[in-house]
N, C-alpha and C. Protein backbone atom coordinates (compact mmCIF):
# COMPACT_ATOMS: atom_id res chain seq x y z
N MET A 1 -6.42 5.33 20.57
CA MET A 1 -6.73 4.54 19.35
C MET A 1 -6.17 3.11 19.53
N SER A 2 -7.02 2.16 19.35
CA SER A 2 -6.64 0.77 19.59
C SER A 2 -5.94 0.21 18.36
N HIS A 3 -5.24 -0.88 18.53
CA HIS A 3 -4.55 -1.57 17.45
C HIS A 3 -5.52 -2.02 16.37
N SER A 4 -6.66 -2.49 16.74
CA SER A 4 -7.62 -3.02 15.73
C SER A 4 -8.14 -1.83 14.88
N SER A 5 -8.38 -0.64 15.49
CA SER A 5 -8.90 0.43 14.72
C SER A 5 -7.85 0.94 13.74
N VAL A 6 -6.60 0.95 14.12
CA VAL A 6 -5.52 1.35 13.20
C VAL A 6 -5.42 0.36 12.07
N MET A 7 -5.54 -0.91 12.37
CA MET A 7 -5.44 -1.93 11.30
C MET A 7 -6.67 -1.83 10.37
N ALA A 8 -7.83 -1.54 10.95
CA ALA A 8 -9.03 -1.39 10.13
C ALA A 8 -8.86 -0.17 9.18
N PHE A 9 -8.27 0.91 9.69
CA PHE A 9 -8.05 2.09 8.86
C PHE A 9 -7.11 1.77 7.70
N PHE A 10 -6.02 1.06 7.98
CA PHE A 10 -5.08 0.75 6.92
C PHE A 10 -5.58 -0.30 5.97
N ARG A 11 -6.48 -1.14 6.48
CA ARG A 11 -7.11 -2.13 5.56
C ARG A 11 -8.00 -1.45 4.50
N GLU A 12 -8.68 -0.45 4.98
CA GLU A 12 -9.60 0.31 4.05
C GLU A 12 -8.89 1.34 3.25
N HIS A 13 -7.85 1.97 3.79
CA HIS A 13 -7.19 3.08 3.11
C HIS A 13 -5.74 2.83 2.86
N GLY A 14 -5.33 1.60 2.76
CA GLY A 14 -3.89 1.26 2.63
C GLY A 14 -3.31 1.74 1.31
N LEU A 15 -4.03 1.70 0.24
CA LEU A 15 -3.56 2.13 -1.10
C LEU A 15 -3.28 3.60 -1.08
N GLY A 16 -4.19 4.37 -0.52
CA GLY A 16 -4.00 5.84 -0.41
C GLY A 16 -2.88 6.21 0.50
N ALA A 17 -2.76 5.47 1.58
CA ALA A 17 -1.64 5.77 2.53
C ALA A 17 -0.32 5.39 1.87
N SER A 18 -0.29 4.34 1.14
CA SER A 18 0.95 3.99 0.42
C SER A 18 1.36 5.07 -0.61
N ILE A 19 0.37 5.58 -1.31
CA ILE A 19 0.67 6.66 -2.30
C ILE A 19 1.17 7.87 -1.52
N GLY A 20 0.54 8.25 -0.41
CA GLY A 20 0.95 9.39 0.33
C GLY A 20 2.41 9.28 0.88
N VAL A 21 2.68 8.11 1.46
CA VAL A 21 4.02 7.89 2.00
C VAL A 21 5.07 7.85 0.85
N LEU A 22 4.71 7.30 -0.29
CA LEU A 22 5.58 7.28 -1.44
C LEU A 22 5.91 8.68 -1.91
N VAL A 23 4.90 9.48 -2.03
CA VAL A 23 5.11 10.90 -2.44
C VAL A 23 6.04 11.62 -1.41
N LEU A 24 5.75 11.43 -0.13
CA LEU A 24 6.52 12.01 0.91
C LEU A 24 7.95 11.52 0.83
N GLY A 25 8.17 10.22 0.61
CA GLY A 25 9.52 9.71 0.46
C GLY A 25 10.29 10.28 -0.72
N VAL A 26 9.60 10.40 -1.84
CA VAL A 26 10.28 10.95 -3.00
C VAL A 26 10.62 12.43 -2.75
N PHE A 27 9.73 13.14 -2.11
CA PHE A 27 10.03 14.54 -1.77
C PHE A 27 11.23 14.62 -0.84
N LEU A 28 11.30 13.76 0.19
CA LEU A 28 12.48 13.76 1.09
C LEU A 28 13.75 13.38 0.35
N LEU A 29 13.65 12.46 -0.56
CA LEU A 29 14.85 12.05 -1.34
C LEU A 29 15.34 13.17 -2.14
N ILE A 30 14.48 13.83 -2.87
CA ILE A 30 14.89 14.95 -3.71
C ILE A 30 15.48 16.09 -2.83
N PHE A 31 14.80 16.36 -1.71
CA PHE A 31 15.26 17.38 -0.79
C PHE A 31 16.64 17.00 -0.22
N ALA A 32 16.83 15.76 0.13
CA ALA A 32 18.11 15.32 0.70
C ALA A 32 19.20 15.42 -0.38
N LEU A 33 18.91 15.06 -1.59
CA LEU A 33 19.92 15.19 -2.67
C LEU A 33 20.31 16.64 -2.88
N PHE A 34 19.34 17.52 -2.85
CA PHE A 34 19.65 18.94 -2.99
C PHE A 34 20.47 19.46 -1.81
N CYS A 35 20.13 19.03 -0.62
CA CYS A 35 20.89 19.46 0.58
C CYS A 35 22.30 18.94 0.58
N PHE A 36 22.46 17.73 0.08
CA PHE A 36 23.82 17.10 0.07
C PHE A 36 24.70 17.57 -1.07
N PHE A 37 24.14 17.59 -2.26
CA PHE A 37 24.99 17.91 -3.43
C PHE A 37 24.91 19.41 -3.85
N TRP A 38 23.84 20.05 -3.66
CA TRP A 38 23.71 21.46 -4.08
C TRP A 38 23.10 22.32 -2.97
N PRO A 39 23.79 22.44 -1.83
CA PRO A 39 23.26 23.19 -0.72
C PRO A 39 23.14 24.69 -1.05
N HIS A 40 23.96 25.20 -1.97
CA HIS A 40 23.93 26.66 -2.29
C HIS A 40 22.64 26.97 -3.03
N LEU A 41 21.94 26.02 -3.57
CA LEU A 41 20.69 26.33 -4.29
C LEU A 41 19.51 26.46 -3.24
N LEU A 42 19.66 25.95 -2.07
CA LEU A 42 18.62 26.03 -1.07
C LEU A 42 19.13 26.83 0.12
N LYS A 43 19.14 28.12 -0.06
CA LYS A 43 19.63 29.00 1.06
C LYS A 43 18.44 29.40 1.96
N THR A 44 18.02 28.40 2.76
CA THR A 44 16.90 28.67 3.66
C THR A 44 17.34 28.31 5.06
N THR A 45 16.54 28.71 5.98
CA THR A 45 16.84 28.35 7.42
C THR A 45 16.63 26.88 7.66
N VAL A 46 15.76 26.22 6.88
CA VAL A 46 15.51 24.81 7.03
C VAL A 46 16.75 24.01 6.68
N VAL A 47 17.45 24.39 5.62
CA VAL A 47 18.64 23.72 5.21
C VAL A 47 19.74 23.90 6.29
N GLN A 48 19.81 25.09 6.84
CA GLN A 48 20.79 25.36 7.90
C GLN A 48 20.47 24.54 9.17
N LYS A 49 19.20 24.34 9.44
CA LYS A 49 18.84 23.55 10.62
C LYS A 49 19.11 22.08 10.50
N ILE A 50 18.95 21.52 9.28
CA ILE A 50 19.15 20.09 9.11
C ILE A 50 20.54 19.78 8.59
N ASP A 51 21.46 20.70 8.70
CA ASP A 51 22.78 20.56 8.10
C ASP A 51 23.46 19.23 8.52
N GLY A 52 23.39 18.88 9.72
CA GLY A 52 24.03 17.62 10.19
C GLY A 52 23.23 16.37 9.92
N TYR A 53 21.96 16.56 9.49
CA TYR A 53 21.11 15.39 9.28
C TYR A 53 20.87 15.04 7.80
N ASP A 54 21.59 15.73 6.91
CA ASP A 54 21.36 15.46 5.52
C ASP A 54 21.85 14.03 5.12
N TYR A 55 22.83 13.51 5.84
CA TYR A 55 23.28 12.13 5.61
C TYR A 55 22.13 11.18 5.95
N TRP A 56 21.47 11.45 7.06
CA TRP A 56 20.42 10.57 7.51
C TRP A 56 19.23 10.60 6.55
N LEU A 57 18.94 11.82 6.04
CA LEU A 57 17.86 11.92 5.07
C LEU A 57 18.20 11.18 3.77
N LEU A 58 19.45 11.26 3.40
CA LEU A 58 19.94 10.62 2.17
C LEU A 58 19.93 9.07 2.32
N ILE A 59 20.04 8.56 3.54
CA ILE A 59 20.03 7.13 3.76
C ILE A 59 18.61 6.62 3.99
N LEU A 60 17.80 7.36 4.78
CA LEU A 60 16.46 6.90 5.08
C LEU A 60 15.42 7.11 3.96
N ALA A 61 15.56 8.13 3.18
CA ALA A 61 14.57 8.43 2.14
C ALA A 61 14.42 7.27 1.11
N PRO A 62 15.51 6.68 0.63
CA PRO A 62 15.33 5.54 -0.27
C PRO A 62 14.58 4.38 0.35
N PHE A 63 14.84 4.15 1.67
CA PHE A 63 14.12 3.06 2.34
C PHE A 63 12.63 3.36 2.41
N ILE A 64 12.26 4.60 2.72
CA ILE A 64 10.87 4.97 2.73
C ILE A 64 10.20 4.82 1.39
N VAL A 65 10.91 5.21 0.37
CA VAL A 65 10.41 5.08 -0.98
C VAL A 65 10.23 3.58 -1.33
N ALA A 66 11.16 2.77 -1.03
CA ALA A 66 11.14 1.32 -1.35
C ALA A 66 10.03 0.62 -0.58
N ILE A 67 9.83 0.91 0.66
CA ILE A 67 8.82 0.23 1.45
C ILE A 67 7.42 0.67 0.98
N ALA A 68 7.26 1.97 0.74
CA ALA A 68 5.92 2.46 0.27
C ALA A 68 5.63 1.89 -1.14
N ALA A 69 6.60 1.81 -2.01
CA ALA A 69 6.42 1.26 -3.34
C ALA A 69 6.06 -0.19 -3.26
N PHE A 70 6.72 -0.93 -2.33
CA PHE A 70 6.37 -2.37 -2.14
C PHE A 70 4.91 -2.56 -1.77
N TYR A 71 4.46 -1.76 -0.74
CA TYR A 71 3.07 -1.88 -0.28
C TYR A 71 2.07 -1.46 -1.40
N LEU A 72 2.46 -0.43 -2.13
CA LEU A 72 1.59 0.02 -3.23
C LEU A 72 1.41 -1.05 -4.27
N VAL A 73 2.56 -1.63 -4.74
CA VAL A 73 2.52 -2.67 -5.77
C VAL A 73 1.81 -3.91 -5.24
N ASP A 74 2.08 -4.28 -3.97
CA ASP A 74 1.42 -5.44 -3.35
C ASP A 74 -0.10 -5.27 -3.32
N GLY A 75 -0.55 -4.10 -2.92
CA GLY A 75 -1.95 -3.84 -2.85
C GLY A 75 -2.62 -3.91 -4.26
N ILE A 76 -1.95 -3.35 -5.26
CA ILE A 76 -2.49 -3.37 -6.58
C ILE A 76 -2.57 -4.82 -7.12
N LEU A 77 -1.47 -5.55 -6.91
CA LEU A 77 -1.47 -6.94 -7.40
C LEU A 77 -2.51 -7.81 -6.68
N ASN A 78 -2.69 -7.61 -5.37
CA ASN A 78 -3.72 -8.39 -4.66
C ASN A 78 -5.12 -8.05 -5.18
N ARG A 79 -5.40 -6.80 -5.49
CA ARG A 79 -6.68 -6.45 -6.05
C ARG A 79 -6.93 -7.06 -7.42
N ARG A 80 -5.88 -7.02 -8.25
CA ARG A 80 -5.98 -7.62 -9.57
C ARG A 80 -6.23 -9.11 -9.47
N LYS A 81 -5.50 -9.75 -8.57
CA LYS A 81 -5.65 -11.18 -8.38
C LYS A 81 -7.08 -11.52 -7.93
N PHE A 82 -7.57 -10.75 -6.97
CA PHE A 82 -8.94 -11.00 -6.53
C PHE A 82 -9.91 -10.84 -7.68
N GLU A 83 -9.79 -9.77 -8.43
CA GLU A 83 -10.68 -9.52 -9.55
C GLU A 83 -10.68 -10.66 -10.56
N ARG A 84 -9.47 -11.20 -10.86
CA ARG A 84 -9.30 -12.26 -11.79
C ARG A 84 -9.95 -13.56 -11.26
N TRP A 85 -9.70 -13.83 -10.03
CA TRP A 85 -10.25 -15.10 -9.47
C TRP A 85 -11.74 -15.06 -9.18
N VAL A 86 -12.26 -13.94 -8.73
CA VAL A 86 -13.71 -13.88 -8.40
C VAL A 86 -14.52 -13.66 -9.65
N GLY A 87 -13.92 -13.22 -10.74
CA GLY A 87 -14.67 -13.01 -11.98
C GLY A 87 -14.80 -14.23 -12.84
N THR A 88 -14.44 -15.39 -12.34
CA THR A 88 -14.56 -16.58 -13.19
C THR A 88 -16.05 -16.99 -13.32
N LYS A 89 -16.34 -17.59 -14.45
CA LYS A 89 -17.65 -18.02 -14.77
C LYS A 89 -17.86 -19.51 -14.43
N ARG A 90 -16.78 -20.20 -14.12
CA ARG A 90 -16.83 -21.62 -13.83
C ARG A 90 -16.87 -21.88 -12.36
N LYS A 91 -17.89 -22.62 -11.88
CA LYS A 91 -18.02 -22.91 -10.48
C LYS A 91 -16.86 -23.78 -9.95
N SER A 92 -16.34 -24.67 -10.71
CA SER A 92 -15.26 -25.58 -10.25
C SER A 92 -13.98 -24.73 -10.01
N GLU A 93 -13.75 -23.79 -10.87
CA GLU A 93 -12.55 -22.91 -10.74
C GLU A 93 -12.74 -22.03 -9.51
N PHE A 94 -13.95 -21.53 -9.32
CA PHE A 94 -14.19 -20.64 -8.14
C PHE A 94 -14.02 -21.46 -6.90
N ILE A 95 -14.53 -22.70 -6.81
CA ILE A 95 -14.40 -23.51 -5.60
C ILE A 95 -12.91 -23.83 -5.38
N HIS A 96 -12.15 -24.04 -6.41
CA HIS A 96 -10.73 -24.31 -6.27
C HIS A 96 -9.97 -23.13 -5.66
N ARG A 97 -10.43 -21.94 -5.98
CA ARG A 97 -9.76 -20.71 -5.51
C ARG A 97 -10.41 -20.09 -4.29
N ILE A 98 -11.40 -20.73 -3.71
CA ILE A 98 -12.17 -20.07 -2.62
C ILE A 98 -11.34 -19.78 -1.38
N ARG A 99 -10.43 -20.68 -1.00
CA ARG A 99 -9.57 -20.42 0.17
C ARG A 99 -8.63 -19.28 -0.08
N ASP A 100 -8.10 -19.19 -1.27
CA ASP A 100 -7.21 -18.05 -1.63
C ASP A 100 -7.99 -16.75 -1.61
N LEU A 101 -9.23 -16.78 -2.14
CA LEU A 101 -10.06 -15.58 -2.14
C LEU A 101 -10.43 -15.14 -0.72
N GLU A 102 -10.70 -16.10 0.14
CA GLU A 102 -11.00 -15.74 1.56
C GLU A 102 -9.78 -15.12 2.24
N ASP A 103 -8.61 -15.66 1.93
CA ASP A 103 -7.35 -15.08 2.52
C ASP A 103 -7.17 -13.63 2.02
N LEU A 104 -7.41 -13.44 0.72
CA LEU A 104 -7.25 -12.06 0.17
C LEU A 104 -8.26 -11.08 0.81
N THR A 105 -9.46 -11.59 1.15
CA THR A 105 -10.44 -10.64 1.73
C THR A 105 -10.06 -10.18 3.12
N THR A 106 -9.15 -10.91 3.81
CA THR A 106 -8.66 -10.48 5.13
C THR A 106 -7.69 -9.29 5.03
N ILE A 107 -7.12 -9.06 3.86
CA ILE A 107 -6.16 -7.95 3.75
C ILE A 107 -6.66 -6.84 2.82
N LEU A 108 -7.72 -7.13 2.06
CA LEU A 108 -8.30 -6.14 1.20
C LEU A 108 -9.43 -5.42 1.90
N PRO A 109 -9.87 -4.27 1.40
CA PRO A 109 -11.02 -3.58 2.06
C PRO A 109 -12.28 -4.42 2.13
N GLU A 110 -13.14 -4.02 2.99
CA GLU A 110 -14.35 -4.81 3.30
C GLU A 110 -15.24 -5.10 2.14
N ARG A 111 -15.28 -4.18 1.18
CA ARG A 111 -16.14 -4.39 0.02
C ARG A 111 -15.78 -5.61 -0.79
N TYR A 112 -14.52 -6.06 -0.73
CA TYR A 112 -14.11 -7.23 -1.40
C TYR A 112 -14.69 -8.52 -0.74
N GLY A 113 -14.80 -8.47 0.60
CA GLY A 113 -15.46 -9.58 1.31
C GLY A 113 -16.90 -9.72 0.97
N LYS A 114 -17.58 -8.54 0.79
CA LYS A 114 -19.01 -8.56 0.47
C LYS A 114 -19.20 -9.11 -0.94
N ARG A 115 -18.27 -8.70 -1.85
CA ARG A 115 -18.30 -9.22 -3.15
C ARG A 115 -18.14 -10.72 -3.27
N LEU A 116 -17.23 -11.22 -2.43
CA LEU A 116 -17.00 -12.63 -2.42
C LEU A 116 -18.27 -13.37 -1.93
N GLU A 117 -18.91 -12.84 -0.93
CA GLU A 117 -20.19 -13.43 -0.42
C GLU A 117 -21.25 -13.44 -1.51
N GLU A 118 -21.33 -12.34 -2.29
CA GLU A 118 -22.28 -12.32 -3.37
C GLU A 118 -22.00 -13.39 -4.43
N GLN A 119 -20.73 -13.52 -4.74
CA GLN A 119 -20.34 -14.50 -5.74
C GLN A 119 -20.61 -15.94 -5.18
N LYS A 120 -20.41 -16.16 -3.94
CA LYS A 120 -20.73 -17.46 -3.32
C LYS A 120 -22.23 -17.76 -3.50
N ARG A 121 -23.04 -16.76 -3.16
CA ARG A 121 -24.51 -16.96 -3.34
C ARG A 121 -24.90 -17.17 -4.78
N GLY A 122 -24.17 -16.53 -5.68
CA GLY A 122 -24.46 -16.64 -7.07
C GLY A 122 -24.15 -18.10 -7.57
N PHE A 123 -23.16 -18.72 -6.98
CA PHE A 123 -22.77 -20.09 -7.33
C PHE A 123 -23.57 -21.13 -6.51
N GLY A 124 -24.39 -20.65 -5.53
CA GLY A 124 -25.18 -21.55 -4.73
C GLY A 124 -24.40 -22.19 -3.58
N LEU A 125 -23.34 -21.53 -3.09
CA LEU A 125 -22.56 -22.08 -1.99
C LEU A 125 -23.09 -21.51 -0.69
N LYS A 126 -23.10 -22.31 0.36
CA LYS A 126 -23.73 -21.85 1.63
C LYS A 126 -22.76 -21.19 2.59
N ARG A 127 -21.49 -21.25 2.32
CA ARG A 127 -20.51 -20.71 3.29
C ARG A 127 -20.80 -19.31 3.50
């Protein structure tokens, strides 16, 4: 798998991947808290196997949650910003924001780039 295909996958499915990693991170955090503070409640072989690693889980899980939450919020805010800027009815405002919109289409899924091109044609721009 090449670097460009991985980036293309995350460009198209980044929001879903962020949600998945966030859920995994929250699960790991809850599991680490139970292993660390209440190990008697989880009498399984899994807890016995990770006995020495519960500190690592307790340290790494919040970082996983924070990073996934950052990417999730960033993706949502970028989509809202795109919707607000591309939905303008004034050509002058659209032209003023065209560079920002083009930058956003490099990180948002491909359908946003197509929508920007449609809006450009609608305003009579040749780019």
